[in-house]
Amino acid sequence: MNPGKCHYSLALEICQQRNFVEETVFLLSRMGNCRRALQMIMEELGDVDKAIEFAKEQDDAELWEDLISYSIDKPPFITGLLNNIGTHVDPILLIHRIKEGMEIPNLRDSLVKILQDYNLQILLREGCKKILVSDSLSLLKKMHRTQMRGVRVDEENICESCHAPILPSDTAKLFSVVVFNCRHMFHKECLPSPGTIPGIQFCNICSAKRRGPGSGILEMKK
């Protein structure tokens, strides 16, 4: 048996015997019995704010359902829920279950707050969307500028396949060099033939690791 669990069980038994409700709620939640803890908050403490805060901390859909079911015939609880659950649970789920003719304190103010919270969420989402689009466009332009840059090829560069100088010593000899945007260079004849392996569209070295946006092909001929 887990010693920690044994200690919790003993502490829970003592708190229940002495009717320490808040302490019992704490221990129940630590032991994983959150539904029973919420039930005690609602039935024995009758504290809607504490019940809502507990449900927020646990972030459990079943707890919210229990809280709504318990509150549905208690107008003060309904008011508390309407004022606080907008960002955690769809308020429509609660509103549809309110009995016709029930008088709910400050209902108009609660509904106005729900609409204000909803509008705020919409504004935040639109703001985030604009930022994402702007950042994506900026990064795309940066990548495009990077890929449009020239690549210097001289006698110090080597073929990544045969490791011979990329430029032949005989300058009169015809040759083809393939240069990728990742700056890896190959003699064209050192690359796989298009008929055997899907061509030379991507750098073999980068493809073996992870194909990225900088591995596309540039070709230079002489």
Protein backbone atom coordinates (compact mmCIF):
# COMPACT_ATOMS: atom_id res chain seq x y z
CA MET A 1 0.00 0.00 0.00
CA ASN A 2 1.21 3.50 -0.81
CA PRO A 3 2.25 5.16 2.51
CA GLY A 4 1.15 8.58 1.23
CA LYS A 5 -2.31 7.29 0.38
CA CYS A 6 -2.54 5.66 3.80
CA HIS A 7 -1.74 9.01 5.46
CA TYR A 8 -4.37 10.77 3.34
CA SER A 9 -6.97 8.17 4.28
CA LEU A 10 -6.21 8.58 7.98
CA ALA A 11 -6.34 12.39 7.72
CA LEU A 12 -9.61 12.17 5.79
CA GLU A 13 -11.18 9.98 8.44
CA ILE A 14 -10.18 12.42 11.19
CA CYS A 15 -11.51 15.45 9.26
CA GLN A 16 -14.81 13.70 8.57
CA GLN A 17 -15.21 12.76 12.23
CA ARG A 18 -14.64 16.38 13.28
CA ASN A 19 -16.75 17.81 10.45
CA PHE A 20 -13.89 19.80 8.92
CA VAL A 21 -15.55 20.36 5.55
CA GLU A 22 -12.93 22.45 3.73
CA GLU A 23 -10.14 20.17 4.90
CA THR A 24 -12.17 17.14 3.78
CA VAL A 25 -12.69 18.75 0.36
CA PHE A 26 -8.95 19.32 0.02
CA LEU A 27 -8.09 15.74 0.94
CA LEU A 28 -10.74 14.29 -1.38
CA SER A 29 -9.38 16.28 -4.31
CA ARG A 30 -5.81 15.18 -3.52
CA MET A 31 -6.98 11.57 -3.42
CA GLY A 32 -8.66 11.94 -6.83
CA ASN A 33 -12.28 11.95 -5.64
CA CYS A 34 -13.04 15.36 -7.15
CA ARG A 35 -16.74 14.71 -7.75
CA ARG A 36 -17.32 13.98 -4.07
CA ALA A 37 -15.27 17.06 -3.15
CA LEU A 38 -17.41 19.25 -5.42
CA GLN A 39 -20.56 17.72 -4.00
CA MET A 40 -19.47 18.69 -0.48
CA ILE A 41 -18.74 22.26 -1.57
CA MET A 42 -22.20 22.57 -3.09
CA GLU A 43 -24.24 20.75 -0.47
CA GLU A 44 -22.43 21.43 2.79
CA LEU A 45 -20.75 24.77 2.14
CA GLY A 46 -23.33 26.08 -0.31
CA ASP A 47 -20.63 28.29 -1.81
CA VAL A 48 -21.18 28.73 -5.55
CA ASP A 49 -18.02 30.81 -6.01
CA LYS A 50 -15.87 28.16 -4.34
CA ALA A 51 -17.58 25.44 -6.39
CA ILE A 52 -16.90 27.33 -9.63
CA GLU A 53 -13.28 27.97 -8.65
CA PHE A 54 -12.83 24.28 -7.82
CA ALA A 55 -14.26 23.26 -11.21
CA LYS A 56 -11.94 25.71 -12.96
CA GLU A 57 -8.89 24.32 -11.14
CA GLN A 58 -9.75 20.72 -12.02
CA ASP A 59 -10.74 21.55 -15.63
CA ASP A 60 -12.95 18.45 -15.85
CA ALA A 61 -16.08 18.40 -18.07
CA GLU A 62 -17.82 15.96 -15.70
CA LEU A 63 -17.40 18.36 -12.78
CA TRP A 64 -18.95 21.19 -14.77
CA GLU A 65 -21.86 18.92 -15.67
CA ASP A 66 -22.34 18.02 -11.99
CA LEU A 67 -22.21 21.68 -11.03
CA ILE A 68 -24.79 22.66 -13.66
CA SER A 69 -27.10 19.80 -12.70
CA TYR A 70 -26.95 20.76 -9.03
CA SER A 71 -27.44 24.48 -9.73
CA ILE A 72 -30.30 24.24 -12.20
CA ASP A 73 -33.04 24.69 -9.55
CA LYS A 74 -31.09 27.20 -7.44
CA PRO A 75 -31.30 30.75 -8.90
CA PRO A 76 -28.29 32.16 -6.95
CA PHE A 77 -26.12 29.30 -8.22
CA ILE A 78 -27.35 29.90 -11.78
CA THR A 79 -26.39 33.58 -11.52
CA GLY A 80 -22.91 32.63 -10.32
CA LEU A 81 -22.49 30.16 -13.15
CA LEU A 82 -23.69 32.61 -15.81
CA ASN A 83 -21.15 35.14 -14.57
CA ASN A 84 -18.19 32.74 -14.57
CA ILE A 85 -18.45 29.80 -16.96
CA GLY A 86 -18.32 31.66 -20.28
CA THR A 87 -14.69 30.77 -21.00
CA HIS A 88 -14.92 27.22 -19.67
CA VAL A 89 -18.33 25.87 -20.71
CA ASP A 90 -20.73 26.95 -23.44
CA PRO A 91 -23.32 29.07 -21.56
CA ILE A 92 -26.02 27.79 -23.92
CA LEU A 93 -25.79 24.40 -22.19
CA LEU A 94 -26.86 26.08 -18.97
CA ILE A 95 -29.39 28.53 -20.43
CA HIS A 96 -31.31 25.79 -22.27
CA ARG A 97 -31.81 23.93 -19.00
CA ILE A 98 -33.25 26.85 -17.02
CA LYS A 99 -36.90 26.19 -16.27
CA GLU A 100 -39.44 28.52 -17.81
CA GLY A 101 -40.73 31.13 -15.36
CA MET A 102 -37.81 30.80 -12.94
CA GLU A 103 -36.73 34.14 -11.50
CA ILE A 104 -32.97 34.54 -11.61
CA PRO A 105 -31.28 37.47 -9.83
CA ASN A 106 -29.48 39.92 -12.14
CA LEU A 107 -30.21 37.78 -15.20
CA ARG A 108 -29.95 40.71 -17.61
CA ASP A 109 -26.54 41.74 -16.26
CA SER A 110 -25.33 38.14 -16.45
CA LEU A 111 -26.41 37.80 -20.09
CA VAL A 112 -24.77 41.12 -20.96
CA LYS A 113 -21.53 39.89 -19.37
CA ILE A 114 -21.71 36.66 -21.39
CA LEU A 115 -22.04 38.66 -24.62
CA GLN A 116 -19.18 40.95 -23.63
CA ASP A 117 -16.95 37.97 -22.83
CA TYR A 118 -17.87 36.39 -26.16
CA ASN A 119 -17.05 39.58 -28.07
CA LEU A 120 -13.73 39.79 -26.24
CA GLN A 121 -12.89 36.22 -27.26
CA ILE A 122 -13.72 37.04 -30.88
CA LEU A 123 -11.49 40.13 -30.79
CA LEU A 124 -8.63 38.15 -29.26
CA ARG A 125 -8.92 35.41 -31.87
CA GLU A 126 -9.00 37.93 -34.70
CA GLY A 127 -5.96 39.67 -33.24
CA CYS A 128 -4.07 36.38 -32.96
CA LYS A 129 -5.04 35.47 -36.52
CA LYS A 130 -3.70 38.78 -37.85
CA ILE A 131 -0.43 38.29 -35.98
CA LEU A 132 -0.05 34.74 -37.32
CA VAL A 133 -0.74 35.84 -40.89
CA SER A 134 1.69 38.75 -40.59
CA ASP A 135 4.44 36.55 -39.11
CA SER A 136 3.89 33.85 -41.74
CA LEU A 137 4.12 36.40 -44.56
CA SER A 138 7.25 37.93 -43.06
CA LEU A 139 8.94 34.53 -42.75
CA LEU A 140 7.89 33.58 -46.28
CA LYS A 141 9.44 36.76 -47.67
CA LYS A 142 12.60 36.12 -45.66
CA MET A 143 12.84 32.57 -47.02
CA HIS A 144 12.24 33.83 -50.57
CA ARG A 145 15.03 36.44 -50.22
CA THR A 146 17.36 33.77 -48.85
CA GLN A 147 16.66 31.40 -51.74
CA MET A 148 17.17 34.18 -54.30
CA ARG A 149 20.70 34.93 -53.11
CA GLY A 150 23.58 33.92 -55.31
CA VAL A 151 25.89 31.05 -54.36
CA ARG A 152 29.63 31.49 -54.74
CA VAL A 153 31.38 28.54 -56.38
CA ASP A 154 35.19 28.46 -56.58
CA GLU A 155 38.09 26.03 -56.56
CA GLU A 156 37.91 25.59 -52.80
CA ASN A 157 34.49 23.93 -52.96
CA ILE A 158 34.27 20.15 -53.25
CA CYS A 159 31.66 17.72 -54.52
CA GLU A 160 29.77 16.29 -51.54
CA SER A 161 29.64 12.90 -53.27
CA CYS A 162 33.13 12.22 -54.68
CA HIS A 163 34.92 14.87 -52.56
CA ALA A 164 36.88 16.06 -55.60
CA PRO A 165 37.14 19.79 -56.33
CA ILE A 166 33.83 21.00 -57.67
CA LEU A 167 35.59 22.92 -60.47
CA PRO A 168 37.87 20.88 -62.77
CA SER A 169 41.47 21.93 -63.22
CA ASP A 170 40.95 21.87 -66.98
CA THR A 171 38.84 24.97 -67.53
CA ALA A 172 38.25 24.06 -71.15
CA LYS A 173 36.39 20.91 -70.17
CA LEU A 174 32.59 21.00 -70.18
CA PHE A 175 31.01 20.30 -66.81
CA SER A 176 27.75 20.61 -64.93
CA VAL A 177 27.48 21.46 -61.27
CA VAL A 178 24.38 21.14 -59.16
CA VAL A 179 24.15 23.59 -56.26
CA PHE A 180 21.31 23.33 -53.75
CA ASN A 181 19.90 26.19 -51.71
CA CYS A 182 21.33 24.49 -48.63
CA ARG A 183 24.78 25.25 -50.20
CA HIS A 184 25.73 21.60 -50.79
CA MET A 185 27.34 21.10 -54.21
CA PHE A 186 27.67 18.07 -56.49
CA HIS A 187 29.00 17.17 -59.88
CA LYS A 188 25.91 16.36 -61.89
CA GLU A 189 27.32 12.97 -62.86
CA CYS A 190 27.83 12.14 -59.17
CA LEU A 191 24.11 12.40 -58.46
CA PRO A 192 21.61 9.56 -58.96
CA SER A 193 20.15 9.32 -62.39
CA PRO A 194 16.47 10.37 -62.66
CA GLY A 195 15.63 6.95 -64.06
CA THR A 196 16.80 5.05 -60.97
CA ILE A 197 16.15 7.27 -57.96
CA PRO A 198 13.70 10.19 -58.10
CA GLY A 199 16.18 12.55 -59.61
CA ILE A 200 18.14 15.44 -58.28
CA GLN A 201 15.35 17.67 -57.08
CA PHE A 202 16.54 17.59 -53.48
CA CYS A 203 19.91 17.48 -51.76
CA ASN A 204 20.85 13.90 -50.86
CA ILE A 205 22.55 14.98 -47.65
CA CYS A 206 19.67 17.09 -46.36
CA SER A 207 17.08 14.55 -47.50
CA ALA A 208 18.83 11.86 -45.48
CA LYS A 209 18.46 14.05 -42.40
CA ARG A 210 15.25 15.93 -42.96
CA ARG A 211 14.04 17.57 -46.12
CA GLY A 212 13.69 21.30 -45.55
CA PRO A 213 12.67 24.35 -47.57
CA GLY A 214 16.31 25.14 -48.33
CA SER A 215 17.13 21.88 -50.11
CA GLY A 216 15.76 22.78 -53.53
CA ILE A 217 17.94 22.71 -56.61
CA LEU A 218 19.99 25.33 -58.42
CA GLU A 219 21.96 24.15 -61.47
CA MET A 220 25.03 25.72 -63.04
CA LYS A 221 26.50 24.62 -66.33
CA LYS A 222 29.56 25.49 -68.29
